[in-house]
Amino acid sequence: MCPPMPIGTMKNEETGKCVKCIENSGKCNKKESCIVCKLGFYLNCDDKCVRECKKGERKFDGHCVKCTTKHCDDCEDQDHCKKCERPFLLNKKKECVLHCGDDQYEDDGECKPCGTYCEKCHNKEKCIKCENGKFLDKDGKCKDHCPERSIENDGRCIPCKTEEKCH
């Protein structure tokens, strides 16, 4: 009967002696193949123990697990991305897309929603087109009606040029 092998070692079947496992391995079955890593390390797909997983993988239960979302650099769980590889953008469904939807704008690699009642925008503060029934003012905001001294023209509030054209 063999005594238990110390952590980080394995029994050499030919000699019967303890040999050291691959670096940062807590348990191995071959000298260059890890089964369980030491605390603070994660088993990657090459059976090596690493402190950080590669891009497109996440740490889970002592292992590096591949993100299932296409073009994902970092995921919060297997199916939901946190950060996409460039030039892809993270949408509200936690997927990686090349373009944001019309009611969204790009901000630091993510698709963010446009402002209230805005159908299409440059950023949260600057709307280009409002939802039906709303009017775009000169500041790029969607309003219920145009302010005084302006008239509605094709969904936009246009400043009056003369007093008589303002009615």
Foldseek 3Di string as FASTA:
>chain_A
DDDDAAFQWDQDPVPRDIDGAAPQARAADDNDAHDAGHPQWAQEPSRHTHNDDFFQWDDDPRYTHGAPAPQARAAPDNDAGDAGHPPWAQEPRRHTDNDAAQQWEDDPRYTHGAEPQARHANHNFAGDAGHPQWAQEPRRDTHNAADQQWHGDPRYTHHHPDPVVRD
